[in-house]
Amino acid sequence: MIDVIIPAYNSHKTIEQTLFSIVYQDIADKVNVYIVDDASTHGYKEIVDYFSNFIKIKELRLEKNSGPGVARQYGIDSSNSKYIVFIDSDDVFSDPLSILNLYSEIENENCDVVISNFDEESEDEFITRSNDTIWLHGKIYRREYLEKEKIRFNNSRANEDNGFNQMIFLGNAKIKYIDKKTYIWRNNTSSITRKNDREYNLKGLSGYIYNINYALLHAEKNKYHKEKIGKLAFSALISMYHYYLQFQDSISDLIPKCKVTKRISDSNPLSDDDKLDIIESQYNTTINFDNRKFLLNPILTINDFFYMIDNTEEV
């Protein structure tokens, strides 16, 4: 069986589309659906009652709004199927074979995680994301592996999915990629939380640093592969450097939080060639018209940024 976990906060206008996309799945009879109500203003009983005519569905409720990571973990802890799939309450599965494609691969290949492609729907544009290692979209997870490696969501409210996935990808999980689309992410760039892009980006950066450290500390504790740890830590530092060039004083309070990343990077050193490859890759994926001036004419070098981290008191 497969547990499909849906964190939901005041999602009454969109969650029915999500649930219909599950009802239409070819293997809907193998699915247990859990709506984890993250302390919405009112519950989902009527919706659950209706959809219980078609699928096995249950509502779980958190008494305090805690964010999607906590809600997902509560869903994991309150369920027990062999496999776990996540979907957000405003997204849908691509077609009726989406869950079957993920399930067949993880069963037949005895994998711990299967990754598929997903479409990002933003306004009138669709962008296909392939072999992604950040989002939960279009993936299926083996519960036994998560429990064995003690991989859990934390209580942060931004980039918690990245922290969760990086713990998996830093480890020894058997991972399979399939070149099929199974998920549509409805990326609402005009939502209330994103009206202030600067505030949204800074919140995201804080969550990014927290979750990268969360994953790196987990990997360090469990003695995962040193090169994997070093590459993630150094890549994260370059991302933080690029953000600093753009936001400068606005993220000065976050610099002490980078010390964990820097320490782990230093203790898992890479070759100069590996570092240059990461710097080049990060530069090519980060640069755009808005931030070009910051990256082409930086206020400080990468080494100066690292020196600033080293000489900031850790909090």
C-alpha atoms as a PDB file:
ATOM      1  CA  MET A   1       0.000   0.000   0.000  1.00  0.00           C
ATOM      2  CA  ILE A   2       0.966   3.637  -0.501  1.00  0.00           C
ATOM      3  CA  ASP A   3       0.329   6.512   1.893  1.00  0.00           C
ATOM      4  CA  VAL A   4      -0.346   9.819   0.146  1.00  0.00           C
ATOM      5  CA  ILE A   5       0.191  12.648   2.619  1.00  0.00           C
ATOM      6  CA  ILE A   6      -1.304  16.104   2.007  1.00  0.00           C
ATOM      7  CA  PRO A   7      -0.477  18.978   4.382  1.00  0.00           C
ATOM      8  CA  ALA A   8      -3.358  21.457   4.268  1.00  0.00           C
ATOM      9  CA  TYR A   9      -3.846  24.930   5.686  1.00  0.00           C
ATOM     10  CA  ASN A  10      -7.081  26.682   4.638  1.00  0.00           C
ATOM     11  CA  SER A  11      -6.913  24.773   1.365  1.00  0.00           C
ATOM     12  CA  HIS A  12     -10.625  24.193   0.884  1.00  0.00           C
ATOM     13  CA  LYS A  13     -10.709  25.937  -2.523  1.00  0.00           C
ATOM     14  CA  THR A  14      -7.974  23.829  -4.098  1.00  0.00           C
ATOM     15  CA  ILE A  15      -7.769  20.484  -2.322  1.00  0.00           C
ATOM     16  CA  GLU A  16     -10.712  18.938  -4.155  1.00  0.00           C
ATOM     17  CA  GLN A  17      -8.752  19.102  -7.438  1.00  0.00           C
ATOM     18  CA  THR A  18      -5.853  17.409  -5.677  1.00  0.00           C
ATOM     19  CA  LEU A  19      -8.115  14.648  -4.383  1.00  0.00           C
ATOM     20  CA  PHE A  20      -9.825  14.123  -7.744  1.00  0.00           C
ATOM     21  CA  SER A  21      -6.391  13.581  -9.277  1.00  0.00           C
ATOM     22  CA  ILE A  22      -5.950  10.766  -6.722  1.00  0.00           C
ATOM     23  CA  VAL A  23      -9.416   9.290  -7.334  1.00  0.00           C
ATOM     24  CA  TYR A  24      -8.541   8.978 -11.034  1.00  0.00           C
ATOM     25  CA  GLN A  25      -5.332   7.056 -10.349  1.00  0.00           C
ATOM     26  CA  ASP A  26      -5.175   3.602 -11.914  1.00  0.00           C
ATOM     27  CA  ILE A  27      -4.142   2.143  -8.546  1.00  0.00           C
ATOM     28  CA  ALA A  28      -6.347   4.302  -6.317  1.00  0.00           C
ATOM     29  CA  ASP A  29      -7.349   1.108  -4.499  1.00  0.00           C
ATOM     30  CA  LYS A  30      -3.757   0.736  -3.231  1.00  0.00           C
ATOM     31  CA  VAL A  31      -3.682   4.256  -1.767  1.00  0.00           C
ATOM     32  CA  ASN A  32      -4.401   5.588   1.717  1.00  0.00           C
ATOM     33  CA  VAL A  33      -4.861   9.365   1.714  1.00  0.00           C
ATOM     34  CA  TYR A  34      -4.105  11.487   4.775  1.00  0.00           C
ATOM     35  CA  ILE A  35      -5.122  15.142   4.867  1.00  0.00           C
ATOM     36  CA  VAL A  36      -3.081  16.692   7.661  1.00  0.00           C
ATOM     37  CA  ASP A  37      -5.015  19.795   8.718  1.00  0.00           C
ATOM     38  CA  ASP A  38      -2.418  22.312   9.912  1.00  0.00           C
ATOM     39  CA  ALA A  39      -4.891  24.119  12.208  1.00  0.00           C
ATOM     40  CA  SER A  40      -7.069  25.562   9.438  1.00  0.00           C
ATOM     41  CA  THR A  41      -9.910  27.890  10.452  1.00  0.00           C
ATOM     42  CA  HIS A  42     -12.303  25.007   9.846  1.00  0.00           C
ATOM     43  CA  GLY A  43     -11.814  21.342   9.069  1.00  0.00           C
ATOM     44  CA  TYR A  44     -12.215  19.129   6.012  1.00  0.00           C
ATOM     45  CA  LYS A  45     -14.923  16.757   7.276  1.00  0.00           C
ATOM     46  CA  GLU A  46     -17.376  17.408   4.426  1.00  0.00           C
ATOM     47  CA  ILE A  47     -14.644  16.956   1.829  1.00  0.00           C
ATOM     48  CA  VAL A  48     -13.408  13.775   3.498  1.00  0.00           C
ATOM     49  CA  ASP A  49     -16.965  12.408   3.769  1.00  0.00           C
ATOM     50  CA  TYR A  50     -17.526  12.969   0.053  1.00  0.00           C
ATOM     51  CA  PHE A  51     -14.249  11.480  -1.150  1.00  0.00           C
ATOM     52  CA  SER A  52     -14.550   8.487   1.188  1.00  0.00           C
ATOM     53  CA  ASN A  53     -17.046   7.175  -1.375  1.00  0.00           C
ATOM     54  CA  PHE A  54     -14.169   6.724  -3.811  1.00  0.00           C
ATOM     55  CA  ILE A  55     -10.891   6.350  -1.898  1.00  0.00           C
ATOM     56  CA  LYS A  56      -9.580   5.464   1.534  1.00  0.00           C
ATOM     57  CA  ILE A  57      -9.135   8.863   3.162  1.00  0.00           C
ATOM     58  CA  LYS A  58      -8.619  10.201   6.666  1.00  0.00           C
ATOM     59  CA  GLU A  59      -8.241  13.647   8.213  1.00  0.00           C
ATOM     60  CA  LEU A  60      -5.578  14.293  10.842  1.00  0.00           C
ATOM     61  CA  ARG A  61      -5.435  17.598  12.696  1.00  0.00           C
ATOM     62  CA  LEU A  62      -2.700  19.631  14.338  1.00  0.00           C
ATOM     63  CA  GLU A  63      -3.932  21.886  17.133  1.00  0.00           C
ATOM     64  CA  LYS A  64      -1.342  24.563  16.352  1.00  0.00           C
ATOM     65  CA  ASN A  65      -0.312  25.847  12.929  1.00  0.00           C
ATOM     66  CA  SER A  66       3.199  24.440  12.539  1.00  0.00           C
ATOM     67  CA  GLY A  67       4.056  24.503   8.836  1.00  0.00           C
ATOM     68  CA  PRO A  68       4.093  21.843   6.115  1.00  0.00           C
ATOM     69  CA  GLY A  69       7.164  19.983   7.389  1.00  0.00           C
ATOM     70  CA  VAL A  70       5.607  19.282  10.788  1.00  0.00           C
ATOM     71  CA  ALA A  71       2.333  18.357   9.087  1.00  0.00           C
ATOM     72  CA  ARG A  72       4.070  15.909   6.746  1.00  0.00           C
ATOM     73  CA  GLN A  73       5.968  14.307   9.620  1.00  0.00           C
ATOM     74  CA  TYR A  74       2.742  13.945  11.577  1.00  0.00           C
ATOM     75  CA  GLY A  75       1.280  12.225   8.542  1.00  0.00           C
ATOM     76  CA  ILE A  76       4.261   9.856   8.383  1.00  0.00           C
ATOM     77  CA  ASP A  77       4.035   9.079  12.088  1.00  0.00           C
ATOM     78  CA  SER A  78       0.277   8.468  11.863  1.00  0.00           C
ATOM     79  CA  SER A  79       0.435   6.056   8.915  1.00  0.00           C
ATOM     80  CA  ASN A  80       2.157   2.746   8.240  1.00  0.00           C
ATOM     81  CA  SER A  81       2.147   1.787   4.555  1.00  0.00           C
ATOM     82  CA  LYS A  82       5.259   0.481   2.846  1.00  0.00           C
ATOM     83  CA  TYR A  83       5.628   3.534   0.610  1.00  0.00           C
ATOM     84  CA  ILE A  84       5.033   7.275   1.010  1.00  0.00           C
ATOM     85  CA  VAL A  85       4.125   9.915  -1.576  1.00  0.00           C
ATOM     86  CA  PHE A  86       3.662  13.613  -0.841  1.00  0.00           C
ATOM     87  CA  ILE A  87       1.439  16.064  -2.672  1.00  0.00           C
ATOM     88  CA  ASP A  88       0.580  19.654  -1.769  1.00  0.00           C
ATOM     89  CA  SER A  89      -3.031  20.723  -1.408  1.00  0.00           C
ATOM     90  CA  ASP A  90      -3.001  22.950  -4.499  1.00  0.00           C
ATOM     91  CA  ASP A  91      -1.157  20.538  -6.823  1.00  0.00           C
ATOM     92  CA  VAL A  92      -2.283  17.533  -8.879  1.00  0.00           C
ATOM     93  CA  PHE A  93      -0.871  14.318 -10.268  1.00  0.00           C
ATOM     94  CA  SER A  94      -0.128  14.562 -13.987  1.00  0.00           C
ATOM     95  CA  ASP A  95      -2.271  11.670 -15.218  1.00  0.00           C
ATOM     96  CA  PRO A  96      -3.985   8.473 -14.025  1.00  0.00           C
ATOM     97  CA  LEU A  97      -0.734   6.482 -14.248  1.00  0.00           C
ATOM     98  CA  SER A  98       1.365   8.829 -12.093  1.00  0.00           C
ATOM     99  CA  ILE A  99       1.360   6.847  -8.846  1.00  0.00           C
ATOM    100  CA  LEU A 100       1.510   3.530 -10.724  1.00  0.00           C
ATOM    101  CA  ASN A 101       4.679   4.620 -12.543  1.00  0.00           C
ATOM    102  CA  LEU A 102       6.358   5.507  -9.237  1.00  0.00           C
ATOM    103  CA  TYR A 103       5.071   2.417  -7.430  1.00  0.00           C
ATOM    104  CA  SER A 104       6.048  -0.038 -10.173  1.00  0.00           C
ATOM    105  CA  GLU A 105       9.600   1.268 -10.278  1.00  0.00           C
ATOM    106  CA  ILE A 106      10.224   1.237  -6.534  1.00  0.00           C
ATOM    107  CA  GLU A 107       8.710  -2.252  -6.212  1.00  0.00           C
ATOM    108  CA  ASN A 108      10.374  -3.850  -9.242  1.00  0.00           C
ATOM    109  CA  GLU A 109      13.808  -2.275  -8.717  1.00  0.00           C
ATOM    110  CA  ASN A 110      13.775  -2.572  -4.904  1.00  0.00           C
ATOM    111  CA  CYS A 111      14.707   1.121  -4.578  1.00  0.00           C
ATOM    112  CA  ASP A 112      14.539   3.388  -1.562  1.00  0.00           C
ATOM    113  CA  VAL A 113      13.490   6.454  -3.568  1.00  0.00           C
ATOM    114  CA  VAL A 114      12.203   6.919  -7.099  1.00  0.00           C
ATOM    115  CA  ILE A 115      12.413  10.342  -8.733  1.00  0.00           C
ATOM    116  CA  SER A 116      10.317  11.364 -11.722  1.00  0.00           C
ATOM    117  CA  ASN A 117       9.883  14.623 -13.622  1.00  0.00           C
ATOM    118  CA  PHE A 118       7.329  17.242 -12.691  1.00  0.00           C
ATOM    119  CA  ASP A 119       5.884  20.290 -14.425  1.00  0.00           C
ATOM    120  CA  GLU A 120       6.042  23.684 -12.759  1.00  0.00           C
ATOM    121  CA  GLU A 121       2.942  25.632 -13.738  1.00  0.00           C
ATOM    122  CA  SER A 122       3.509  29.356 -13.245  1.00  0.00           C
ATOM    123  CA  GLU A 123       0.867  31.699 -14.637  1.00  0.00           C
ATOM    124  CA  ASP A 124       0.530  30.487 -18.278  1.00  0.00           C
ATOM    125  CA  GLU A 125       3.922  28.767 -18.463  1.00  0.00           C
ATOM    126  CA  PHE A 126       4.924  25.165 -17.930  1.00  0.00           C
ATOM    127  CA  ILE A 127       8.529  24.294 -17.104  1.00  0.00           C
ATOM    128  CA  THR A 128       9.587  20.665 -16.810  1.00  0.00           C
ATOM    129  CA  ARG A 129      11.881  19.860 -13.885  1.00  0.00           C
ATOM    130  CA  SER A 130      13.942  16.710 -14.387  1.00  0.00           C
ATOM    131  CA  ASN A 131      15.801  14.563 -11.859  1.00  0.00           C
ATOM    132  CA  ASP A 132      15.277  17.155  -9.120  1.00  0.00           C
ATOM    133  CA  THR A 133      16.814  16.537  -5.689  1.00  0.00           C
ATOM    134  CA  ILE A 134      15.224  19.427  -3.762  1.00  0.00           C
ATOM    135  CA  TRP A 135      11.447  19.232  -3.970  1.00  0.00           C
ATOM    136  CA  LEU A 136       9.218  16.403  -2.796  1.00  0.00           C
ATOM    137  CA  HIS A 137       7.262  16.599  -6.050  1.00  0.00           C
ATOM    138  CA  GLY A 138       7.116  13.476  -8.198  1.00  0.00           C
ATOM    139  CA  LYS A 139       8.852  11.128  -5.756  1.00  0.00           C
ATOM    140  CA  ILE A 140       8.046   7.988  -3.811  1.00  0.00           C
ATOM    141  CA  TYR A 141       9.879   6.938  -0.635  1.00  0.00           C
ATOM    142  CA  ARG A 142      10.357   3.581   1.079  1.00  0.00           C
ATOM    143  CA  ARG A 143       9.260   3.949   4.705  1.00  0.00           C
ATOM    144  CA  GLU A 144      11.711   1.328   5.940  1.00  0.00           C
ATOM    145  CA  TYR A 145      14.667   3.370   4.681  1.00  0.00           C
ATOM    146  CA  LEU A 146      13.426   6.604   6.282  1.00  0.00           C
ATOM    147  CA  GLU A 147      12.982   4.848   9.609  1.00  0.00           C
ATOM    148  CA  LYS A 148      16.320   3.012   9.444  1.00  0.00           C
ATOM    149  CA  GLU A 149      18.244   6.229   8.711  1.00  0.00           C
ATOM    150  CA  LYS A 150      16.096   8.330  11.106  1.00  0.00           C
ATOM    151  CA  ILE A 151      15.210  10.796   8.355  1.00  0.00           C
ATOM    152  CA  ARG A 152      12.544  13.203   9.564  1.00  0.00           C
ATOM    153  CA  PHE A 153      11.198  16.648   8.751  1.00  0.00           C
ATOM    154  CA  ASN A 154      12.140  19.413  11.166  1.00  0.00           C
ATOM    155  CA  ASN A 155       9.909  22.277  12.328  1.00  0.00           C
ATOM    156  CA  SER A 156      11.242  24.956   9.952  1.00  0.00           C
ATOM    157  CA  ARG A 157       8.763  26.636   7.604  1.00  0.00           C
ATOM    158  CA  ALA A 158      10.920  27.125   4.502  1.00  0.00           C
ATOM    159  CA  ASN A 159      13.098  24.690   2.521  1.00  0.00           C
ATOM    160  CA  GLU A 160      12.205  21.851   4.890  1.00  0.00           C
ATOM    161  CA  ASP A 161      11.755  19.591   1.857  1.00  0.00           C
ATOM    162  CA  ASN A 162      15.342  20.302   0.800  1.00  0.00           C
ATOM    163  CA  GLY A 163      16.645  19.316   4.236  1.00  0.00           C
ATOM    164  CA  PHE A 164      14.609  16.095   4.130  1.00  0.00           C
ATOM    165  CA  ASN A 165      15.798  15.128   0.659  1.00  0.00           C
ATOM    166  CA  GLN A 166      19.445  16.035   1.198  1.00  0.00           C
ATOM    167  CA  MET A 167      19.643  13.691   4.175  1.00  0.00           C
ATOM    168  CA  ILE A 168      18.557  10.938   1.797  1.00  0.00           C
ATOM    169  CA  PHE A 169      20.839  11.862  -1.097  1.00  0.00           C
ATOM    170  CA  LEU A 170      23.884  12.249   1.168  1.00  0.00           C
ATOM    171  CA  GLY A 171      23.388   8.719   2.416  1.00  0.00           C
ATOM    172  CA  ASN A 172      23.464   5.284   0.827  1.00  0.00           C
ATOM    173  CA  ALA A 173      19.908   5.138  -0.452  1.00  0.00           C
ATOM    174  CA  LYS A 174      19.254   3.223  -3.655  1.00  0.00           C
ATOM    175  CA  ILE A 175      17.767   5.912  -5.904  1.00  0.00           C
ATOM    176  CA  LYS A 176      16.238   5.492  -9.357  1.00  0.00           C
ATOM    177  CA  TYR A 177      15.294   8.237 -11.814  1.00  0.00           C
ATOM    178  CA  ILE A 178      12.550   7.659 -14.376  1.00  0.00           C
ATOM    179  CA  ASP A 179      12.056   9.986 -17.323  1.00  0.00           C
ATOM    180  CA  LYS A 180       8.304  10.335 -16.848  1.00  0.00           C
ATOM    181  CA  LYS A 181       6.121  13.200 -15.628  1.00  0.00           C
ATOM    182  CA  THR A 182       3.961  12.381 -12.634  1.00  0.00           C
ATOM    183  CA  TYR A 183       3.209  15.708 -10.919  1.00  0.00           C
ATOM    184  CA  ILE A 184       2.094  19.277 -11.653  1.00  0.00           C
ATOM    185  CA  TRP A 185       3.332  21.917  -9.236  1.00  0.00           C
ATOM    186  CA  ARG A 186       1.105  24.978  -9.345  1.00  0.00           C
ATOM    187  CA  ASN A 187       3.648  27.600  -8.377  1.00  0.00           C
ATOM    188  CA  ASN A 188       1.588  30.648  -7.410  1.00  0.00           C
ATOM    189  CA  THR A 189       4.101  33.490  -7.677  1.00  0.00           C
ATOM    190  CA  SER A 190       1.369  36.067  -6.952  1.00  0.00           C
ATOM    191  CA  SER A 191       0.366  34.567  -3.610  1.00  0.00           C
ATOM    192  CA  ILE A 192       0.236  36.696  -0.469  1.00  0.00           C
ATOM    193  CA  THR A 193       3.432  35.136   0.873  1.00  0.00           C
ATOM    194  CA  ARG A 194       5.311  36.278  -2.222  1.00  0.00           C
ATOM    195  CA  LYS A 195       3.994  39.812  -2.626  1.00  0.00           C
ATOM    196  CA  ASN A 196       7.125  41.083  -0.933  1.00  0.00           C
ATOM    197  CA  ASP A 197       9.754  39.213  -2.965  1.00  0.00           C
ATOM    198  CA  ARG A 198      12.609  40.467  -0.808  1.00  0.00           C
ATOM    199  CA  GLU A 199      10.989  39.322   2.429  1.00  0.00           C
ATOM    200  CA  TYR A 200      10.044  35.998   0.815  1.00  0.00           C
ATOM    201  CA  ASN A 201      13.604  35.447  -0.450  1.00  0.00           C
ATOM    202  CA  LEU A 202      15.142  36.272   2.926  1.00  0.00           C
ATOM    203  CA  LYS A 203      12.788  33.882   4.716  1.00  0.00           C
ATOM    204  CA  GLY A 204      13.665  31.241   2.151  1.00  0.00           C
ATOM    205  CA  LEU A 205      17.389  31.850   2.630  1.00  0.00           C
ATOM    206  CA  SER A 206      17.106  31.492   6.396  1.00  0.00           C
ATOM    207  CA  GLY A 207      15.256  28.205   5.895  1.00  0.00           C
ATOM    208  CA  TYR A 208      17.815  27.103   3.316  1.00  0.00           C
ATOM    209  CA  ILE A 209      20.757  27.632   5.688  1.00  0.00           C
ATOM    210  CA  TYR A 210      18.936  25.919   8.554  1.00  0.00           C
ATOM    211  CA  ASN A 211      18.012  22.881   6.466  1.00  0.00           C
ATOM    212  CA  ILE A 212      21.384  22.511   4.770  1.00  0.00           C
ATOM    213  CA  ASN A 213      22.980  22.459   8.221  1.00  0.00           C
ATOM    214  CA  TYR A 214      20.307  20.020   9.401  1.00  0.00           C
ATOM    215  CA  ALA A 215      21.156  17.627   6.546  1.00  0.00           C
ATOM    216  CA  LEU A 216      24.927  18.068   6.863  1.00  0.00           C
ATOM    217  CA  LEU A 217      24.927  17.438  10.619  1.00  0.00           C
ATOM    218  CA  HIS A 218      22.831  14.308  10.075  1.00  0.00           C
ATOM    219  CA  ALA A 219      25.279  13.105   7.410  1.00  0.00           C
ATOM    220  CA  GLU A 220      28.276  13.884   9.588  1.00  0.00           C
ATOM    221  CA  LYS A 221      26.768  12.040  12.568  1.00  0.00           C
ATOM    222  CA  ASN A 222      26.036   8.983  10.429  1.00  0.00           C
ATOM    223  CA  LYS A 223      29.466   9.053   8.738  1.00  0.00           C
ATOM    224  CA  TYR A 224      28.106   9.343   5.213  1.00  0.00           C
ATOM    225  CA  HIS A 225      30.432   9.697   2.212  1.00  0.00           C
ATOM    226  CA  LYS A 226      32.858  12.566   2.845  1.00  0.00           C
ATOM    227  CA  GLU A 227      32.974  13.740  -0.786  1.00  0.00           C
ATOM    228  CA  LYS A 228      29.171  14.024  -0.944  1.00  0.00           C
ATOM    229  CA  ILE A 229      29.179  15.996   2.294  1.00  0.00           C
ATOM    230  CA  GLY A 230      31.975  18.264   1.081  1.00  0.00           C
ATOM    231  CA  LYS A 231      30.283  18.981  -2.246  1.00  0.00           C
ATOM    232  CA  LEU A 232      26.941  19.883  -0.648  1.00  0.00           C
ATOM    233  CA  ALA A 233      28.592  22.075   1.996  1.00  0.00           C
ATOM    234  CA  PHE A 234      30.771  23.959  -0.487  1.00  0.00           C
ATOM    235  CA  SER A 235      27.920  24.360  -2.975  1.00  0.00           C
ATOM    236  CA  ALA A 236      25.721  25.752  -0.184  1.00  0.00           C
ATOM    237  CA  LEU A 237      28.434  28.255   0.780  1.00  0.00           C
ATOM    238  CA  ILE A 238      28.627  29.538  -2.802  1.00  0.00           C
ATOM    239  CA  SER A 239      24.841  29.958  -2.841  1.00  0.00           C
ATOM    240  CA  MET A 240      25.034  31.890   0.435  1.00  0.00           C
ATOM    241  CA  TYR A 241      27.796  34.058  -1.035  1.00  0.00           C
ATOM    242  CA  HIS A 242      25.632  34.945  -4.045  1.00  0.00           C
ATOM    243  CA  TYR A 243      22.743  35.853  -1.771  1.00  0.00           C
ATOM    244  CA  TYR A 244      25.036  38.012   0.333  1.00  0.00           C
ATOM    245  CA  LEU A 245      26.145  39.970  -2.732  1.00  0.00           C
ATOM    246  CA  GLN A 246      22.521  40.793  -3.474  1.00  0.00           C
ATOM    247  CA  PHE A 247      21.157  41.464   0.016  1.00  0.00           C
ATOM    248  CA  GLN A 248      24.315  42.424   1.967  1.00  0.00           C
ATOM    249  CA  ASP A 249      23.376  43.996   5.307  1.00  0.00           C
ATOM    250  CA  SER A 250      19.879  42.492   5.183  1.00  0.00           C
ATOM    251  CA  ILE A 251      21.292  39.030   5.817  1.00  0.00           C
ATOM    252  CA  SER A 252      24.089  39.972   8.208  1.00  0.00           C
ATOM    253  CA  ASP A 253      22.181  38.222  11.010  1.00  0.00           C
ATOM    254  CA  LEU A 254      22.336  34.982   9.020  1.00  0.00           C
ATOM    255  CA  ILE A 255      26.130  34.949   8.636  1.00  0.00           C
ATOM    256  CA  PRO A 256      26.739  33.262  12.043  1.00  0.00           C
ATOM    257  CA  LYS A 257      24.434  30.448  10.942  1.00  0.00           C
ATOM    258  CA  CYS A 258      26.792  29.752   8.043  1.00  0.00           C
ATOM    259  CA  LYS A 259      29.560  28.715  10.423  1.00  0.00           C
ATOM    260  CA  VAL A 260      28.281  25.145  10.655  1.00  0.00           C
ATOM    261  CA  THR A 261      28.278  24.855   6.866  1.00  0.00           C
ATOM    262  CA  LYS A 262      31.791  26.315   6.679  1.00  0.00           C
ATOM    263  CA  ARG A 263      33.142  24.022   9.395  1.00  0.00           C
ATOM    264  CA  ILE A 264      31.749  20.926   7.699  1.00  0.00           C
ATOM    265  CA  SER A 265      33.069  22.108   4.323  1.00  0.00           C
ATOM    266  CA  ASP A 266      36.538  22.601   5.810  1.00  0.00           C
ATOM    267  CA  SER A 267      36.504  19.163   7.431  1.00  0.00           C
ATOM    268  CA  ASN A 268      35.471  17.471   4.160  1.00  0.00           C
ATOM    269  CA  PRO A 269      37.808  19.246   1.706  1.00  0.00           C
ATOM    270  CA  LEU A 270      37.438  19.066  -2.070  1.00  0.00           C
ATOM    271  CA  SER A 271      40.018  19.330  -4.816  1.00  0.00           C
ATOM    272  CA  ASP A 272      40.505  22.721  -6.438  1.00  0.00           C
ATOM    273  CA  ASP A 273      38.995  21.349  -9.654  1.00  0.00           C
ATOM    274  CA  ASP A 274      35.847  20.248  -7.832  1.00  0.00           C
ATOM    275  CA  LYS A 275      35.543  23.659  -6.193  1.00  0.00           C
ATOM    276  CA  LEU A 276      35.937  25.446  -9.533  1.00  0.00           C
ATOM    277  CA  ASP A 277      33.292  23.214 -11.115  1.00  0.00           C
ATOM    278  CA  ILE A 278      30.847  24.054  -8.318  1.00  0.00           C
ATOM    279  CA  ILE A 279      31.587  27.795  -8.530  1.00  0.00           C
ATOM    280  CA  GLU A 280      31.064  27.789 -12.293  1.00  0.00           C
ATOM    281  CA  SER A 281      27.867  25.751 -12.080  1.00  0.00           C
ATOM    282  CA  GLN A 282      26.428  27.941  -9.337  1.00  0.00           C
ATOM    283  CA  TYR A 283      27.307  31.099 -11.226  1.00  0.00           C
ATOM    284  CA  ASN A 284      25.641  29.879 -14.422  1.00  0.00           C
ATOM    285  CA  THR A 285      22.437  28.857 -12.644  1.00  0.00           C
ATOM    286  CA  THR A 286      22.249  31.933 -10.397  1.00  0.00           C
ATOM    287  CA  ILE A 287      22.980  34.845 -12.713  1.00  0.00           C
ATOM    288  CA  ASN A 288      20.089  36.730 -14.284  1.00  0.00           C
ATOM    289  CA  PHE A 289      19.396  40.283 -15.392  1.00  0.00           C
ATOM    290  CA  ASP A 290      18.394  41.475 -11.910  1.00  0.00           C
ATOM    291  CA  ASN A 291      21.465  40.254 -10.075  1.00  0.00           C
ATOM    292  CA  ARG A 292      24.083  40.539 -12.824  1.00  0.00           C
ATOM    293  CA  LYS A 293      25.622  43.707 -11.397  1.00  0.00           C
ATOM    294  CA  PHE A 294      26.131  42.065  -7.985  1.00  0.00           C
ATOM    295  CA  LEU A 295      27.875  39.015  -9.411  1.00  0.00           C
ATOM    296  CA  LEU A 296      29.948  40.776 -12.072  1.00  0.00           C
ATOM    297  CA  ASN A 297      31.129  43.523  -9.736  1.00  0.00           C
ATOM    298  CA  PRO A 298      31.103  41.907  -6.278  1.00  0.00           C
ATOM    299  CA  ILE A 299      31.617  43.929  -3.117  1.00  0.00           C
ATOM    300  CA  LEU A 300      33.884  41.188  -1.755  1.00  0.00           C
ATOM    301  CA  THR A 301      35.518  38.002  -2.988  1.00  0.00           C
ATOM    302  CA  ILE A 302      34.521  34.467  -2.098  1.00  0.00           C
ATOM    303  CA  ASN A 303      37.576  34.173   0.140  1.00  0.00           C
ATOM    304  CA  ASP A 304      36.642  37.414   1.903  1.00  0.00           C
ATOM    305  CA  PHE A 305      33.154  36.016   2.475  1.00  0.00           C
ATOM    306  CA  PHE A 306      34.607  32.840   3.940  1.00  0.00           C
ATOM    307  CA  TYR A 307      36.904  34.912   6.161  1.00  0.00           C
ATOM    308  CA  MET A 308      33.887  36.894   7.402  1.00  0.00           C
ATOM    309  CA  ILE A 309      32.108  33.660   8.328  1.00  0.00           C
ATOM    310  CA  ASP A 310      35.159  32.321  10.154  1.00  0.00           C
ATOM    311  CA  ASN A 311      35.455  35.527  12.190  1.00  0.00           C
ATOM    312  CA  THR A 312      31.801  35.832  13.160  1.00  0.00           C
ATOM    313  CA  GLU A 313      30.668  34.488  16.505  1.00  0.00           C
ATOM    314  CA  GLU A 314      28.458  31.444  16.105  1.00  0.00           C
ATOM    315  CA  VAL A 315      24.918  31.553  17.511  1.00  0.00           C
END
